Amino acid sequence: QIRYVGNNLNQIAKGMHLHGGINA
């Protein structure tokens, strides 16, 4: 479960880099 959460965080951070938004 922790790995899933970590992977999700990484995917969201990558999306934020591409689209701008919260502090990546």
PDB file of all heavy atoms in Angstrom:
ATOM      1  N   GLN A   1       0.822  -1.204   0.000  1.00  0.00           N
ATOM      2  CA  GLN A   1       0.000   0.000   0.000  1.00  0.00           C
ATOM      3  C   GLN A   1       0.859   1.258   0.000  1.00  0.00           C
ATOM      4  O   GLN A   1       0.547   2.229  -0.698  1.00  0.00           O
ATOM      5  CB  GLN A   1      -0.930  -0.002   1.215  1.00  0.00           C
ATOM      6  CG  GLN A   1      -2.028  -1.018   1.131  1.00  0.00           C
ATOM      7  CD  GLN A   1      -2.871  -1.072   2.384  1.00  0.00           C
ATOM      8  OE1 GLN A   1      -2.567  -0.428   3.383  1.00  0.00           O
ATOM      9  NE2 GLN A   1      -3.941  -1.843   2.344  1.00  0.00           N
ATOM     10  N   ILE A   2       1.939   1.249   0.756  1.00  0.00           N
ATOM     11  CA  ILE A   2       2.830   2.412   0.785  1.00  0.00           C
ATOM     12  C   ILE A   2       3.449   2.627  -0.592  1.00  0.00           C
ATOM     13  O   ILE A   2       3.587   3.765  -1.050  1.00  0.00           O
ATOM     14  CB  ILE A   2       3.910   2.253   1.876  1.00  0.00           C
ATOM     15  CG1 ILE A   2       3.266   2.289   3.259  1.00  0.00           C
ATOM     16  CG2 ILE A   2       4.969   3.341   1.761  1.00  0.00           C
ATOM     17  CD1 ILE A   2       4.210   1.937   4.391  1.00  0.00           C
ATOM     18  N   ARG A   3       3.821   1.557  -1.259  1.00  0.00           N
ATOM     19  CA  ARG A   3       4.367   1.689  -2.617  1.00  0.00           C
ATOM     20  C   ARG A   3       3.340   2.306  -3.566  1.00  0.00           C
ATOM     21  O   ARG A   3       3.682   3.155  -4.394  1.00  0.00           O
ATOM     22  CB  ARG A   3       4.795   0.318  -3.147  1.00  0.00           C
ATOM     23  CG  ARG A   3       6.107  -0.119  -2.622  1.00  0.00           C
ATOM     24  CD  ARG A   3       6.629  -1.316  -3.418  1.00  0.00           C
ATOM     25  NE  ARG A   3       7.905  -1.711  -2.864  1.00  0.00           N
ATOM     26  CZ  ARG A   3       8.142  -2.871  -2.279  1.00  0.00           C
ATOM     27  NH1 ARG A   3       7.207  -3.777  -2.206  1.00  0.00           N
ATOM     28  NH2 ARG A   3       9.319  -3.146  -1.791  1.00  0.00           N
ATOM     29  N   TYR A   4       2.084   1.870  -3.466  1.00  0.00           N
ATOM     30  CA  TYR A   4       1.048   2.447  -4.319  1.00  0.00           C
ATOM     31  C   TYR A   4       0.918   3.951  -4.071  1.00  0.00           C
ATOM     32  O   TYR A   4       0.817   4.735  -5.004  1.00  0.00           O
ATOM     33  CB  TYR A   4      -0.308   1.769  -4.088  1.00  0.00           C
ATOM     34  CG  TYR A   4      -0.426   0.382  -4.658  1.00  0.00           C
ATOM     35  CD1 TYR A   4      -1.132  -0.603  -3.984  1.00  0.00           C
ATOM     36  CD2 TYR A   4       0.151   0.042  -5.879  1.00  0.00           C
ATOM     37  CE1 TYR A   4      -1.251  -1.889  -4.507  1.00  0.00           C
ATOM     38  CE2 TYR A   4       0.037  -1.229  -6.403  1.00  0.00           C
ATOM     39  CZ  TYR A   4      -0.666  -2.185  -5.715  1.00  0.00           C
ATOM     40  OH  TYR A   4      -0.786  -3.450  -6.224  1.00  0.00           O
ATOM     41  N   VAL A   5       0.913   4.333  -2.801  1.00  0.00           N
ATOM     42  CA  VAL A   5       0.801   5.751  -2.465  1.00  0.00           C
ATOM     43  C   VAL A   5       1.993   6.517  -3.034  1.00  0.00           C
ATOM     44  O   VAL A   5       1.838   7.585  -3.628  1.00  0.00           O
ATOM     45  CB  VAL A   5       0.709   5.948  -0.929  1.00  0.00           C
ATOM     46  CG1 VAL A   5       0.848   7.411  -0.563  1.00  0.00           C
ATOM     47  CG2 VAL A   5      -0.600   5.383  -0.400  1.00  0.00           C
ATOM     48  N   GLY A   6       3.187   5.977  -2.857  1.00  0.00           N
ATOM     49  CA  GLY A   6       4.378   6.629  -3.386  1.00  0.00           C
ATOM     50  C   GLY A   6       4.336   6.774  -4.894  1.00  0.00           C
ATOM     51  O   GLY A   6       4.679   7.829  -5.436  1.00  0.00           O
ATOM     52  N   ASN A   7       3.910   5.727  -5.577  1.00  0.00           N
ATOM     53  CA  ASN A   7       3.796   5.802  -7.034  1.00  0.00           C
ATOM     54  C   ASN A   7       2.762   6.835  -7.463  1.00  0.00           C
ATOM     55  O   ASN A   7       2.975   7.586  -8.416  1.00  0.00           O
ATOM     56  CB  ASN A   7       3.458   4.433  -7.619  1.00  0.00           C
ATOM     57  CG  ASN A   7       4.616   3.477  -7.554  1.00  0.00           C
ATOM     58  OD1 ASN A   7       5.775   3.893  -7.551  1.00  0.00           O
ATOM     59  ND2 ASN A   7       4.326   2.191  -7.493  1.00  0.00           N
ATOM     60  N   ASN A   8       1.637   6.884  -6.758  1.00  0.00           N
ATOM     61  CA  ASN A   8       0.618   7.876  -7.072  1.00  0.00           C
ATOM     62  C   ASN A   8       1.149   9.283  -6.881  1.00  0.00           C
ATOM     63  O   ASN A   8       0.898  10.176  -7.695  1.00  0.00           O
ATOM     64  CB  ASN A   8      -0.635   7.671  -6.219  1.00  0.00           C
ATOM     65  CG  ASN A   8      -1.424   6.445  -6.631  1.00  0.00           C
ATOM     66  OD1 ASN A   8      -1.264   5.943  -7.738  1.00  0.00           O
ATOM     67  ND2 ASN A   8      -2.256   5.959  -5.734  1.00  0.00           N
ATOM     68  N   LEU A   9       1.886   9.505  -5.798  1.00  0.00           N
ATOM     69  CA  LEU A   9       2.470  10.825  -5.558  1.00  0.00           C
ATOM     70  C   LEU A   9       3.416  11.211  -6.695  1.00  0.00           C
ATOM     71  O   LEU A   9       3.426  12.355  -7.152  1.00  0.00           O
ATOM     72  CB  LEU A   9       3.213  10.851  -4.221  1.00  0.00           C
ATOM     73  CG  LEU A   9       2.364  10.853  -2.960  1.00  0.00           C
ATOM     74  CD1 LEU A   9       3.238  10.692  -1.725  1.00  0.00           C
ATOM     75  CD2 LEU A   9       1.563  12.139  -2.872  1.00  0.00           C
ATOM     76  N   ASN A  10       4.216  10.252  -7.141  1.00  0.00           N
ATOM     77  CA  ASN A  10       5.138  10.546  -8.245  1.00  0.00           C
ATOM     78  C   ASN A  10       4.384  10.897  -9.523  1.00  0.00           C
ATOM     79  O   ASN A  10       4.762  11.819 -10.250  1.00  0.00           O
ATOM     80  CB  ASN A  10       6.066   9.353  -8.500  1.00  0.00           C
ATOM     81  CG  ASN A  10       7.195   9.289  -7.523  1.00  0.00           C
ATOM     82  OD1 ASN A  10       7.592  10.295  -6.942  1.00  0.00           O
ATOM     83  ND2 ASN A  10       7.741   8.098  -7.323  1.00  0.00           N
ATOM     84  N   GLN A  11       3.320  10.170  -9.817  1.00  0.00           N
ATOM     85  CA  GLN A  11       2.542  10.460 -11.017  1.00  0.00           C
ATOM     86  C   GLN A  11       1.897  11.841 -10.941  1.00  0.00           C
ATOM     87  O   GLN A  11       1.881  12.593 -11.925  1.00  0.00           O
ATOM     88  CB  GLN A  11       1.478   9.385 -11.231  1.00  0.00           C
ATOM     89  CG  GLN A  11       2.056   8.048 -11.633  1.00  0.00           C
ATOM     90  CD  GLN A  11       1.018   6.943 -11.648  1.00  0.00           C
ATOM     91  OE1 GLN A  11      -0.150   7.171 -11.374  1.00  0.00           O
ATOM     92  NE2 GLN A  11       1.448   5.739 -11.989  1.00  0.00           N
ATOM     93  N   ILE A  12       1.389  12.190  -9.782  1.00  0.00           N
ATOM     94  CA  ILE A  12       0.772  13.506  -9.603  1.00  0.00           C
ATOM     95  C   ILE A  12       1.824  14.603  -9.742  1.00  0.00           C
ATOM     96  O   ILE A  12       1.593  15.627 -10.394  1.00  0.00           O
ATOM     97  CB  ILE A  12       0.058  13.590  -8.236  1.00  0.00           C
ATOM     98  CG1 ILE A  12      -1.159  12.651  -8.240  1.00  0.00           C
ATOM     99  CG2 ILE A  12      -0.357  15.016  -7.926  1.00  0.00           C
ATOM    100  CD1 ILE A  12      -1.788  12.437  -6.878  1.00  0.00           C
ATOM    101  N   ALA A  13       2.984  14.387  -9.164  1.00  0.00           N
ATOM    102  CA  ALA A  13       4.050  15.381  -9.265  1.00  0.00           C
ATOM    103  C   ALA A  13       4.467  15.585 -10.717  1.00  0.00           C
ATOM    104  O   ALA A  13       4.680  16.726 -11.159  1.00  0.00           O
ATOM    105  CB  ALA A  13       5.252  14.939  -8.421  1.00  0.00           C
ATOM    106  N   LYS A  14       4.560  14.508 -11.482  1.00  0.00           N
ATOM    107  CA  LYS A  14       4.907  14.633 -12.904  1.00  0.00           C
ATOM    108  C   LYS A  14       3.834  15.423 -13.653  1.00  0.00           C
ATOM    109  O   LYS A  14       4.136  16.262 -14.509  1.00  0.00           O
ATOM    110  CB  LYS A  14       5.092  13.248 -13.528  1.00  0.00           C
ATOM    111  CG  LYS A  14       6.360  12.557 -13.095  1.00  0.00           C
ATOM    112  CD  LYS A  14       6.460  11.168 -13.680  1.00  0.00           C
ATOM    113  CE  LYS A  14       7.667  10.437 -13.107  1.00  0.00           C
ATOM    114  NZ  LYS A  14       7.755   9.060 -13.594  1.00  0.00           N
ATOM    115  N   GLY A  15       2.586  15.153 -13.337  1.00  0.00           N
ATOM    116  CA  GLY A  15       1.490  15.906 -13.947  1.00  0.00           C
ATOM    117  C   GLY A  15       1.539  17.386 -13.599  1.00  0.00           C
ATOM    118  O   GLY A  15       1.259  18.245 -14.436  1.00  0.00           O
ATOM    119  N   MET A  16       1.915  17.687 -12.378  1.00  0.00           N
ATOM    120  CA  MET A  16       2.019  19.082 -11.954  1.00  0.00           C
ATOM    121  C   MET A  16       3.142  19.795 -12.704  1.00  0.00           C
ATOM    122  O   MET A  16       3.031  20.961 -13.047  1.00  0.00           O
ATOM    123  CB  MET A  16       2.281  19.174 -10.450  1.00  0.00           C
ATOM    124  CG  MET A  16       1.118  18.752  -9.598  1.00  0.00           C
ATOM    125  SD  MET A  16      -0.306  19.791  -9.934  1.00  0.00           S
ATOM    126  CE  MET A  16      -1.590  18.590  -9.752  1.00  0.00           C
ATOM    127  N   HIS A  17       4.238  19.082 -12.971  1.00  0.00           N
ATOM    128  CA  HIS A  17       5.328  19.673 -13.748  1.00  0.00           C
ATOM    129  C   HIS A  17       4.850  20.037 -15.149  1.00  0.00           C
ATOM    130  O   HIS A  17       5.190  21.090 -15.689  1.00  0.00           O
ATOM    131  CB  HIS A  17       6.510  18.706 -13.870  1.00  0.00           C
ATOM    132  CG  HIS A  17       7.381  18.640 -12.666  1.00  0.00           C
ATOM    133  ND1 HIS A  17       8.032  19.727 -12.146  1.00  0.00           N
ATOM    134  CD2 HIS A  17       7.718  17.601 -11.872  1.00  0.00           C
ATOM    135  CE1 HIS A  17       8.739  19.372 -11.092  1.00  0.00           C
ATOM    136  NE2 HIS A  17       8.563  18.077 -10.898  1.00  0.00           N
ATOM    137  N   LEU A  18       4.079  19.162 -15.741  1.00  0.00           N
ATOM    138  CA  LEU A  18       3.623  19.375 -17.107  1.00  0.00           C
ATOM    139  C   LEU A  18       2.578  20.486 -17.208  1.00  0.00           C
ATOM    140  O   LEU A  18       2.583  21.284 -18.147  1.00  0.00           O
ATOM    141  CB  LEU A  18       3.042  18.080 -17.693  1.00  0.00           C
ATOM    142  CG  LEU A  18       4.025  16.937 -17.904  1.00  0.00           C
ATOM    143  CD1 LEU A  18       3.281  15.671 -18.341  1.00  0.00           C
ATOM    144  CD2 LEU A  18       5.058  17.319 -18.956  1.00  0.00           C
ATOM    145  N   HIS A  19       1.670  20.528 -16.254  1.00  0.00           N
ATOM    146  CA  HIS A  19       0.515  21.423 -16.343  1.00  0.00           C
ATOM    147  C   HIS A  19       0.608  22.629 -15.418  1.00  0.00           C
ATOM    148  O   HIS A  19      -0.261  23.484 -15.443  1.00  0.00           O
ATOM    149  CB  HIS A  19      -0.771  20.656 -16.052  1.00  0.00           C
ATOM    150  CG  HIS A  19      -0.933  19.448 -16.917  1.00  0.00           C
ATOM    151  ND1 HIS A  19      -1.134  19.527 -18.275  1.00  0.00           N
ATOM    152  CD2 HIS A  19      -0.900  18.133 -16.636  1.00  0.00           C
ATOM    153  CE1 HIS A  19      -1.220  18.316 -18.789  1.00  0.00           C
ATOM    154  NE2 HIS A  19      -1.084  17.441 -17.805  1.00  0.00           N
ATOM    155  N   GLY A  20       1.623  22.694 -14.598  1.00  0.00           N
ATOM    156  CA  GLY A  20       1.708  23.772 -13.614  1.00  0.00           C
ATOM    157  C   GLY A  20       0.703  23.528 -12.506  1.00  0.00           C
ATOM    158  O   GLY A  20      -0.122  22.645 -12.555  1.00  0.00           O
ATOM    159  N   GLY A  21       0.786  24.298 -11.463  1.00  0.00           N
ATOM    160  CA  GLY A  21      -0.176  24.120 -10.380  1.00  0.00           C
ATOM    161  C   GLY A  21       0.504  24.211  -9.044  1.00  0.00           C
ATOM    162  O   GLY A  21       1.283  25.129  -8.804  1.00  0.00           O
ATOM    163  N   ILE A  22       0.250  23.247  -8.173  1.00  0.00           N
ATOM    164  CA  ILE A  22       0.799  23.293  -6.829  1.00  0.00           C
ATOM    165  C   ILE A  22       2.323  23.154  -6.856  1.00  0.00           C
ATOM    166  O   ILE A  22       2.905  22.834  -7.880  1.00  0.00           O
ATOM    167  CB  ILE A  22       0.184  22.201  -5.917  1.00  0.00           C
ATOM    168  CG1 ILE A  22       0.549  20.813  -6.422  1.00  0.00           C
ATOM    169  CG2 ILE A  22      -1.302  22.375  -5.803  1.00  0.00           C
ATOM    170  CD1 ILE A  22       0.188  19.729  -5.467  1.00  0.00           C
ATOM    171  N   ASN A  23       2.939  23.380  -5.751  1.00  0.00           N
ATOM    172  CA  ASN A  23       4.395  23.333  -5.626  1.00  0.00           C
ATOM    173  C   ASN A  23       4.882  21.899  -5.857  1.00  0.00           C
ATOM    174  O   ASN A  23       4.818  21.052  -4.976  1.00  0.00           O
ATOM    175  CB  ASN A  23       4.808  23.837  -4.248  1.00  0.00           C
ATOM    176  CG  ASN A  23       6.304  23.901  -4.072  1.00  0.00           C
ATOM    177  OD1 ASN A  23       7.067  23.311  -4.832  1.00  0.00           O
ATOM    178  ND2 ASN A  23       6.713  24.620  -3.047  1.00  0.00           N
ATOM    179  N   ALA A  24       5.375  21.643  -7.044  1.00  0.00           N
ATOM    180  CA  ALA A  24       5.787  20.290  -7.419  1.00  0.00           C
ATOM    181  C   ALA A  24       6.982  19.816  -6.608  1.00  0.00           C
ATOM    182  O   ALA A  24       7.074  18.637  -6.261  1.00  0.00           O
ATOM    183  CB  ALA A  24       6.095  20.232  -8.904  1.00  0.00           C
TER     184      ALA A  24
END
